[in-house]
Amino acid sequence: MKSIGLLILRVTAGTILAAHGYTKLFGGPGKTPPALLTRLFGPNFLAAVEQSGPDRFGHTLERVEVPSPHVSAYMSGAAEFGGGLAFLLGLRTRGAALMVLFNMGAAIRKVHWKNGLYGEGGFEFPLLLAAVAATLLVAGPGTLSLDAIASVGND
């Protein structure tokens, strides 16, 4: 049962992280996601893709004085998109969890902290994703994962 719980946690958080990372890495004015992603994530995803992208996210990070904001924009997008895919598959889960945990910590500190925990711009959502990442870092991905399959012959 523990592995089923970890699978549910990984798939849910992985999907959300990958969607957020996608907008940061592949979004921008005039950009549209594949139709499958728009159907899966809904019409708000299309708007988020068009309004995001690495350049716009880099400018946001510049305003909150993140060092090397445009490099950091790509790194944040990669942590979310790549970490989300890793969570979905249960592949290199602990390494991905560490990246996501660091990324969410930086987001809380630099962007959300001033708004408090609750409400618009608050840190409740990145804190929840950080908690999921910390859980997967400590517990691992469970037996229903590619990590578990890869370690079968390595005991």
N, C-alpha and C. Protein backbone atom coordinates (compact mmCIF):
# COMPACT_ATOMS: atom_id res chain seq x y z
N MET A 1 0.82 -1.21 0.00
CA MET A 1 0.00 0.00 0.00
C MET A 1 0.86 1.27 0.00
N LYS A 2 2.01 1.21 0.68
CA LYS A 2 2.90 2.37 0.73
C LYS A 2 3.33 2.78 -0.67
N SER A 3 3.66 1.80 -1.52
CA SER A 3 4.10 2.11 -2.88
C SER A 3 2.98 2.70 -3.72
N ILE A 4 1.75 2.29 -3.48
CA ILE A 4 0.62 2.88 -4.20
C ILE A 4 0.46 4.34 -3.78
N GLY A 5 0.60 4.62 -2.49
CA GLY A 5 0.54 6.00 -2.01
C GLY A 5 1.64 6.84 -2.60
N LEU A 6 2.86 6.31 -2.66
CA LEU A 6 3.96 7.05 -3.25
C LEU A 6 3.75 7.25 -4.75
N LEU A 7 3.17 6.27 -5.42
CA LEU A 7 2.85 6.40 -6.85
C LEU A 7 1.85 7.54 -7.07
N ILE A 8 0.80 7.58 -6.27
CA ILE A 8 -0.20 8.64 -6.38
C ILE A 8 0.45 10.01 -6.15
N LEU A 9 1.28 10.10 -5.12
CA LEU A 9 1.98 11.35 -4.82
C LEU A 9 2.89 11.76 -5.97
N ARG A 10 3.67 10.81 -6.48
CA ARG A 10 4.61 11.10 -7.57
C ARG A 10 3.89 11.54 -8.84
N VAL A 11 2.85 10.83 -9.23
CA VAL A 11 2.15 11.14 -10.48
C VAL A 11 1.45 12.49 -10.39
N THR A 12 0.82 12.75 -9.27
CA THR A 12 0.11 14.04 -9.11
C THR A 12 1.09 15.20 -9.11
N ALA A 13 2.09 15.15 -8.24
CA ALA A 13 3.06 16.24 -8.17
C ALA A 13 3.87 16.33 -9.45
N GLY A 14 4.22 15.19 -10.03
CA GLY A 14 5.00 15.18 -11.26
C GLY A 14 4.28 15.85 -12.41
N THR A 15 2.99 15.59 -12.53
CA THR A 15 2.19 16.21 -13.59
C THR A 15 2.14 17.73 -13.41
N ILE A 16 1.90 18.15 -12.18
CA ILE A 16 1.81 19.59 -11.89
C ILE A 16 3.16 20.27 -12.13
N LEU A 17 4.22 19.67 -11.63
CA LEU A 17 5.56 20.25 -11.83
C LEU A 17 5.93 20.33 -13.31
N ALA A 18 5.69 19.24 -14.04
CA ALA A 18 6.03 19.23 -15.47
C ALA A 18 5.26 20.30 -16.22
N ALA A 19 3.99 20.50 -15.88
CA ALA A 19 3.19 21.53 -16.54
C ALA A 19 3.75 22.92 -16.25
N HIS A 20 4.10 23.19 -15.01
CA HIS A 20 4.66 24.50 -14.66
C HIS A 20 6.03 24.71 -15.31
N GLY A 21 6.84 23.67 -15.33
CA GLY A 21 8.15 23.78 -15.97
C GLY A 21 8.03 23.96 -17.47
N TYR A 22 7.05 23.31 -18.07
CA TYR A 22 6.84 23.45 -19.52
C TYR A 22 6.61 24.91 -19.89
N THR A 23 5.75 25.59 -19.13
CA THR A 23 5.45 26.98 -19.47
C THR A 23 6.70 27.85 -19.37
N LYS A 24 7.55 27.57 -18.38
CA LYS A 24 8.77 28.35 -18.19
C LYS A 24 9.79 28.10 -19.29
N LEU A 25 9.92 26.86 -19.72
CA LEU A 25 10.93 26.51 -20.71
C LEU A 25 10.48 26.74 -22.16
N PHE A 26 9.24 26.42 -22.45
CA PHE A 26 8.78 26.38 -23.83
C PHE A 26 7.72 27.43 -24.17
N GLY A 27 7.37 28.25 -23.19
CA GLY A 27 6.34 29.26 -23.42
C GLY A 27 6.89 30.54 -24.00
N GLY A 28 6.00 31.46 -24.25
CA GLY A 28 6.36 32.78 -24.76
C GLY A 28 5.29 33.27 -25.71
N PRO A 29 5.35 34.55 -26.03
CA PRO A 29 4.37 35.12 -26.96
C PRO A 29 4.35 34.36 -28.28
N GLY A 30 3.15 33.99 -28.72
CA GLY A 30 2.99 33.27 -29.98
C GLY A 30 3.25 31.78 -29.90
N LYS A 31 3.67 31.28 -28.75
CA LYS A 31 3.94 29.85 -28.59
C LYS A 31 2.66 29.14 -28.18
N THR A 32 2.47 27.96 -28.71
CA THR A 32 1.32 27.14 -28.33
C THR A 32 1.79 25.73 -28.02
N PRO A 33 1.22 25.14 -27.00
CA PRO A 33 1.60 23.76 -26.67
C PRO A 33 0.92 22.78 -27.62
N PRO A 34 1.41 21.55 -27.64
CA PRO A 34 0.72 20.53 -28.43
C PRO A 34 -0.74 20.39 -27.97
N ALA A 35 -1.60 20.07 -28.91
CA ALA A 35 -3.04 19.97 -28.63
C ALA A 35 -3.33 18.99 -27.48
N LEU A 36 -2.57 17.92 -27.42
CA LEU A 36 -2.78 16.93 -26.34
C LEU A 36 -2.60 17.58 -24.97
N LEU A 37 -1.57 18.41 -24.82
CA LEU A 37 -1.33 19.06 -23.53
C LEU A 37 -2.44 20.06 -23.21
N THR A 38 -2.91 20.78 -24.21
CA THR A 38 -4.01 21.72 -23.99
C THR A 38 -5.27 20.98 -23.56
N ARG A 39 -5.56 19.85 -24.19
CA ARG A 39 -6.72 19.04 -23.79
C ARG A 39 -6.55 18.51 -22.38
N LEU A 40 -5.35 18.05 -22.06
CA LEU A 40 -5.07 17.46 -20.75
C LEU A 40 -5.12 18.50 -19.64
N PHE A 41 -4.50 19.67 -19.86
CA PHE A 41 -4.37 20.67 -18.80
C PHE A 41 -5.42 21.77 -18.87
N GLY A 42 -6.15 21.87 -19.96
CA GLY A 42 -7.23 22.84 -20.05
C GLY A 42 -6.82 24.17 -20.67
N PRO A 43 -7.81 25.03 -20.92
CA PRO A 43 -7.56 26.29 -21.63
C PRO A 43 -6.64 27.25 -20.86
N ASN A 44 -6.62 27.18 -19.54
CA ASN A 44 -5.72 28.05 -18.78
C ASN A 44 -4.26 27.74 -19.07
N PHE A 45 -3.97 26.50 -19.43
CA PHE A 45 -2.61 26.11 -19.75
C PHE A 45 -2.14 26.83 -21.02
N LEU A 46 -2.99 26.90 -22.01
CA LEU A 46 -2.67 27.61 -23.24
C LEU A 46 -2.31 29.06 -22.94
N ALA A 47 -3.10 29.71 -22.11
CA ALA A 47 -2.83 31.11 -21.73
C ALA A 47 -1.52 31.21 -20.97
N ALA A 48 -1.26 30.27 -20.08
CA ALA A 48 -0.02 30.29 -19.29
C ALA A 48 1.20 30.13 -20.20
N VAL A 49 1.09 29.28 -21.21
CA VAL A 49 2.20 29.09 -22.15
C VAL A 49 2.47 30.39 -22.90
N GLU A 50 1.42 31.02 -23.38
CA GLU A 50 1.58 32.26 -24.15
C GLU A 50 2.13 33.40 -23.30
N GLN A 51 1.82 33.40 -22.00
CA GLN A 51 2.23 34.50 -21.12
C GLN A 51 3.52 34.22 -20.37
N SER A 52 4.14 33.09 -20.60
CA SER A 52 5.34 32.74 -19.84
C SER A 52 6.54 32.64 -20.78
N GLY A 53 7.38 31.69 -20.55
CA GLY A 53 8.59 31.51 -21.33
C GLY A 53 9.82 31.96 -20.57
N PRO A 54 10.97 31.52 -21.02
CA PRO A 54 12.21 31.82 -20.28
C PRO A 54 12.55 33.30 -20.24
N ASP A 55 12.26 34.05 -21.29
CA ASP A 55 12.57 35.49 -21.28
C ASP A 55 11.71 36.23 -20.27
N ARG A 56 10.42 35.98 -20.30
CA ARG A 56 9.52 36.66 -19.35
C ARG A 56 9.81 36.23 -17.91
N PHE A 57 10.04 34.95 -17.72
CA PHE A 57 10.34 34.47 -16.37
C PHE A 57 11.67 35.05 -15.90
N GLY A 58 12.63 35.15 -16.80
CA GLY A 58 13.92 35.76 -16.46
C GLY A 58 13.75 37.20 -16.00
N HIS A 59 12.88 37.95 -16.66
CA HIS A 59 12.62 39.34 -16.25
C HIS A 59 11.97 39.39 -14.87
N THR A 60 11.08 38.45 -14.60
CA THR A 60 10.46 38.37 -13.27
C THR A 60 11.54 38.11 -12.22
N LEU A 61 12.44 37.18 -12.50
CA LEU A 61 13.51 36.88 -11.54
C LEU A 61 14.46 38.06 -11.38
N GLU A 62 14.65 38.80 -12.45
CA GLU A 62 15.50 40.00 -12.37
C GLU A 62 14.89 41.03 -11.42
N ARG A 63 13.58 41.20 -11.48
CA ARG A 63 12.89 42.16 -10.61
C ARG A 63 13.02 41.80 -9.13
N VAL A 64 13.10 40.52 -8.82
CA VAL A 64 13.24 40.12 -7.40
C VAL A 64 14.70 39.85 -7.04
N GLU A 65 15.59 40.29 -7.92
CA GLU A 65 17.04 40.27 -7.68
C GLU A 65 17.62 38.87 -7.49
N VAL A 66 17.15 37.94 -8.29
CA VAL A 66 17.76 36.61 -8.33
C VAL A 66 19.05 36.73 -9.14
N PRO A 67 20.16 36.20 -8.64
CA PRO A 67 21.41 36.25 -9.41
C PRO A 67 21.28 35.53 -10.75
N SER A 68 21.93 36.04 -11.76
CA SER A 68 21.88 35.46 -13.12
C SER A 68 20.45 35.08 -13.48
N PRO A 69 19.56 36.05 -13.55
CA PRO A 69 18.13 35.73 -13.67
C PRO A 69 17.75 34.92 -14.90
N HIS A 70 18.40 35.13 -16.03
CA HIS A 70 17.98 34.39 -17.23
C HIS A 70 18.49 32.95 -17.18
N VAL A 71 19.68 32.74 -16.63
CA VAL A 71 20.17 31.37 -16.41
C VAL A 71 19.30 30.69 -15.36
N SER A 72 18.97 31.44 -14.30
CA SER A 72 18.13 30.89 -13.24
C SER A 72 16.74 30.52 -13.75
N ALA A 73 16.23 31.28 -14.73
CA ALA A 73 14.92 30.97 -15.31
C ALA A 73 14.95 29.60 -15.98
N TYR A 74 16.01 29.34 -16.74
CA TYR A 74 16.14 28.03 -17.39
C TYR A 74 16.35 26.92 -16.36
N MET A 75 17.14 27.20 -15.34
CA MET A 75 17.39 26.19 -14.32
C MET A 75 16.12 25.85 -13.54
N SER A 76 15.33 26.88 -13.23
CA SER A 76 14.07 26.66 -12.53
C SER A 76 13.10 25.85 -13.40
N GLY A 77 13.00 26.23 -14.67
CA GLY A 77 12.14 25.49 -15.59
C GLY A 77 12.58 24.05 -15.74
N ALA A 78 13.90 23.84 -15.81
CA ALA A 78 14.42 22.47 -15.94
C ALA A 78 14.17 21.67 -14.68
N ALA A 79 14.31 22.30 -13.50
CA ALA A 79 14.05 21.59 -12.25
C ALA A 79 12.58 21.15 -12.19
N GLU A 80 11.69 22.03 -12.62
CA GLU A 80 10.27 21.70 -12.56
C GLU A 80 9.86 20.71 -13.65
N PHE A 81 10.25 20.98 -14.89
CA PHE A 81 9.87 20.09 -15.99
C PHE A 81 10.57 18.73 -15.85
N GLY A 82 11.89 18.76 -15.69
CA GLY A 82 12.64 17.51 -15.55
C GLY A 82 12.30 16.78 -14.27
N GLY A 83 12.17 17.54 -13.17
CA GLY A 83 11.79 16.92 -11.91
C GLY A 83 10.41 16.31 -11.98
N GLY A 84 9.49 17.00 -12.65
CA GLY A 84 8.15 16.46 -12.82
C GLY A 84 8.14 15.16 -13.61
N LEU A 85 8.88 15.13 -14.70
CA LEU A 85 8.96 13.89 -15.49
C LEU A 85 9.62 12.77 -14.68
N ALA A 86 10.65 13.11 -13.93
CA ALA A 86 11.32 12.11 -13.09
C ALA A 86 10.36 11.56 -12.03
N PHE A 87 9.57 12.43 -11.42
CA PHE A 87 8.59 11.97 -10.44
C PHE A 87 7.56 11.05 -11.10
N LEU A 88 7.07 11.46 -12.28
CA LEU A 88 6.08 10.64 -12.98
C LEU A 88 6.57 9.21 -13.22
N LEU A 89 7.82 9.10 -13.63
CA LEU A 89 8.39 7.80 -13.97
C LEU A 89 9.00 7.08 -12.76
N GLY A 90 9.26 7.83 -11.71
CA GLY A 90 10.00 7.24 -10.59
C GLY A 90 11.43 6.93 -11.01
N LEU A 91 12.03 7.85 -11.73
CA LEU A 91 13.37 7.67 -12.29
C LEU A 91 14.30 8.72 -11.71
N ARG A 92 15.38 8.26 -11.07
CA ARG A 92 16.31 9.19 -10.40
C ARG A 92 15.53 10.12 -9.46
N THR A 93 14.62 9.51 -8.74
CA THR A 93 13.64 10.25 -7.94
C THR A 93 14.30 11.10 -6.86
N ARG A 94 15.24 10.54 -6.15
CA ARG A 94 15.84 11.30 -5.04
C ARG A 94 16.64 12.51 -5.56
N GLY A 95 17.35 12.35 -6.65
CA GLY A 95 18.07 13.49 -7.23
C GLY A 95 17.11 14.56 -7.71
N ALA A 96 16.03 14.13 -8.36
CA ALA A 96 15.01 15.08 -8.82
C ALA A 96 14.36 15.78 -7.64
N ALA A 97 14.10 15.03 -6.58
CA ALA A 97 13.48 15.61 -5.39
C ALA A 97 14.37 16.69 -4.79
N LEU A 98 15.66 16.47 -4.78
CA LEU A 98 16.60 17.47 -4.25
C LEU A 98 16.56 18.75 -5.10
N MET A 99 16.52 18.59 -6.43
CA MET A 99 16.42 19.76 -7.32
C MET A 99 15.12 20.52 -7.09
N VAL A 100 14.02 19.80 -7.00
CA VAL A 100 12.71 20.43 -6.79
C VAL A 100 12.68 21.12 -5.43
N LEU A 101 13.21 20.47 -4.42
CA LEU A 101 13.23 21.05 -3.08
C LEU A 101 14.02 22.36 -3.06
N PHE A 102 15.17 22.37 -3.69
CA PHE A 102 15.98 23.59 -3.77
C PHE A 102 15.23 24.68 -4.54
N ASN A 103 14.63 24.32 -5.66
CA ASN A 103 13.91 25.28 -6.49
C ASN A 103 12.72 25.89 -5.74
N MET A 104 11.96 25.05 -5.05
CA MET A 104 10.81 25.57 -4.30
C MET A 104 11.27 26.43 -3.12
N GLY A 105 12.37 26.05 -2.49
CA GLY A 105 12.92 26.87 -1.41
C GLY A 105 13.31 28.25 -1.90
N ALA A 106 13.96 28.30 -3.06
CA ALA A 106 14.34 29.59 -3.65
C ALA A 106 13.10 30.39 -4.03
N ALA A 107 12.08 29.74 -4.59
CA ALA A 107 10.85 30.44 -4.96
C ALA A 107 10.16 31.03 -3.72
N ILE A 108 10.12 30.26 -2.66
CA ILE A 108 9.51 30.76 -1.42
C ILE A 108 10.28 31.97 -0.91
N ARG A 109 11.59 31.84 -0.84
CA ARG A 109 12.42 32.90 -0.26
C ARG A 109 12.40 34.18 -1.09
N LYS A 110 12.55 34.05 -2.40
CA LYS A 110 12.72 35.23 -3.24
C LYS A 110 11.41 35.85 -3.74
N VAL A 111 10.36 35.05 -3.88
CA VAL A 111 9.14 35.56 -4.52
C VAL A 111 7.94 35.57 -3.57
N HIS A 112 7.73 34.50 -2.85
CA HIS A 112 6.45 34.31 -2.14
C HIS A 112 6.44 34.70 -0.67
N TRP A 113 7.59 34.69 -0.02
CA TRP A 113 7.65 34.87 1.43
C TRP A 113 6.96 36.16 1.88
N LYS A 114 7.20 37.24 1.16
CA LYS A 114 6.67 38.55 1.54
C LYS A 114 5.14 38.57 1.56
N ASN A 115 4.50 37.63 0.85
CA ASN A 115 3.04 37.58 0.78
C ASN A 115 2.42 36.70 1.86
N GLY A 116 3.25 36.03 2.65
CA GLY A 116 2.72 35.15 3.68
C GLY A 116 2.32 33.80 3.11
N LEU A 117 1.82 32.97 3.98
CA LEU A 117 1.48 31.60 3.60
C LEU A 117 0.28 31.54 2.65
N TYR A 118 -0.77 32.24 2.97
CA TYR A 118 -2.06 32.01 2.34
C TYR A 118 -2.41 33.07 1.30
N GLY A 119 -3.10 32.66 0.25
CA GLY A 119 -3.70 33.58 -0.70
C GLY A 119 -2.83 33.87 -1.91
N GLU A 120 -3.29 34.79 -2.71
CA GLU A 120 -2.64 35.17 -3.97
C GLU A 120 -1.18 35.51 -3.74
N GLY A 121 -0.29 34.78 -4.40
CA GLY A 121 1.14 35.03 -4.28
C GLY A 121 1.77 34.49 -3.02
N GLY A 122 0.99 33.84 -2.18
CA GLY A 122 1.53 33.26 -0.95
C GLY A 122 2.38 32.04 -1.23
N PHE A 123 3.02 31.52 -0.19
CA PHE A 123 3.94 30.41 -0.41
C PHE A 123 3.33 29.04 -0.12
N GLU A 124 2.00 28.95 0.00
CA GLU A 124 1.38 27.67 0.30
C GLU A 124 1.62 26.60 -0.79
N PHE A 125 1.53 26.99 -2.06
CA PHE A 125 1.70 26.03 -3.15
C PHE A 125 3.15 25.56 -3.28
N PRO A 126 4.14 26.48 -3.33
CA PRO A 126 5.52 25.98 -3.39
C PRO A 126 5.91 25.22 -2.13
N LEU A 127 5.34 25.57 -0.98
CA LEU A 127 5.63 24.82 0.24
C LEU A 127 5.10 23.39 0.14
N LEU A 128 3.91 23.24 -0.42
CA LEU A 128 3.35 21.90 -0.61
C LEU A 128 4.22 21.07 -1.56
N LEU A 129 4.66 21.67 -2.67
CA LEU A 129 5.54 20.95 -3.59
C LEU A 129 6.88 20.62 -2.94
N ALA A 130 7.39 21.52 -2.10
CA ALA A 130 8.63 21.26 -1.37
C ALA A 130 8.43 20.09 -0.41
N ALA A 131 7.27 20.03 0.25
CA ALA A 131 6.98 18.93 1.17
C ALA A 131 6.90 17.59 0.42
N VAL A 132 6.30 17.60 -0.75
CA VAL A 132 6.25 16.38 -1.57
C VAL A 132 7.67 15.96 -1.95
N ALA A 133 8.48 16.92 -2.38
CA ALA A 133 9.86 16.61 -2.77
C ALA A 133 10.64 16.07 -1.57
N ALA A 134 10.47 16.67 -0.40
CA ALA A 134 11.16 16.20 0.80
C ALA A 134 10.71 14.78 1.16
N THR A 135 9.43 14.51 1.01
CA THR A 135 8.91 13.16 1.27
C THR A 135 9.54 12.14 0.34
N LEU A 136 9.61 12.46 -0.95
CA LEU A 136 10.20 11.54 -1.91
C LEU A 136 11.71 11.41 -1.73
N LEU A 137 12.36 12.46 -1.27
CA LEU A 137 13.78 12.40 -0.97
C LEU A 137 14.04 11.42 0.17
N VAL A 138 13.22 11.47 1.19
CA VAL A 138 13.39 10.61 2.36
C VAL A 138 12.89 9.19 2.10
N ALA A 139 11.68 9.07 1.54
CA ALA A 139 11.04 7.76 1.38
C ALA A 139 11.44 7.04 0.10
N GLY A 140 11.90 7.77 -0.90
CA GLY A 140 12.16 7.16 -2.19
C GLY A 140 10.87 7.02 -2.97
N PRO A 141 10.96 6.48 -4.18
CA PRO A 141 9.80 6.44 -5.07
C PRO A 141 8.85 5.27 -4.85
N GLY A 142 9.25 4.29 -4.08
CA GLY A 142 8.43 3.09 -3.90
C GLY A 142 8.76 2.03 -4.95
N THR A 143 8.13 0.88 -4.80
CA THR A 143 8.44 -0.25 -5.69
C THR A 143 7.80 -0.12 -7.07
N LEU A 144 6.82 0.76 -7.22
CA LEU A 144 6.17 0.96 -8.51
C LEU A 144 6.85 2.12 -9.24
N SER A 145 8.13 1.92 -9.56
CA SER A 145 8.92 2.98 -10.16
C SER A 145 10.04 2.38 -11.02
N LEU A 146 10.56 3.18 -11.93
CA LEU A 146 11.71 2.73 -12.71
C LEU A 146 12.95 2.60 -11.85
N ASP A 147 13.08 3.42 -10.81
CA ASP A 147 14.19 3.26 -9.88
C ASP A 147 14.20 1.86 -9.26
N ALA A 148 13.03 1.39 -8.85
CA ALA A 148 12.95 0.06 -8.24
C ALA A 148 13.27 -1.03 -9.23
N ILE A 149 12.79 -0.88 -10.48
CA ILE A 149 13.08 -1.88 -11.50
C ILE A 149 14.58 -1.91 -11.80
N ALA A 150 15.20 -0.74 -11.86
CA ALA A 150 16.63 -0.67 -12.16
C ALA A 150 17.49 -1.27 -11.06
N SER A 151 16.98 -1.27 -9.82
CA SER A 151 17.80 -1.79 -8.71
C SER A 151 17.55 -3.27 -8.43
N VAL A 152 16.65 -3.91 -9.15
CA VAL A 152 16.32 -5.33 -8.89
C VAL A 152 17.55 -6.22 -8.98
N GLY A 153 18.34 -6.05 -9.99
CA GLY A 153 19.51 -6.91 -10.14
C GLY A 153 20.76 -6.41 -9.45
N ASN A 154 20.64 -5.30 -8.73
CA ASN A 154 21.82 -4.67 -8.13
C ASN A 154 21.90 -4.85 -6.62
N ASP A 155 21.24 -5.86 -6.08
CA ASP A 155 21.24 -6.06 -4.63
C ASP A 155 22.49 -6.65 -4.15
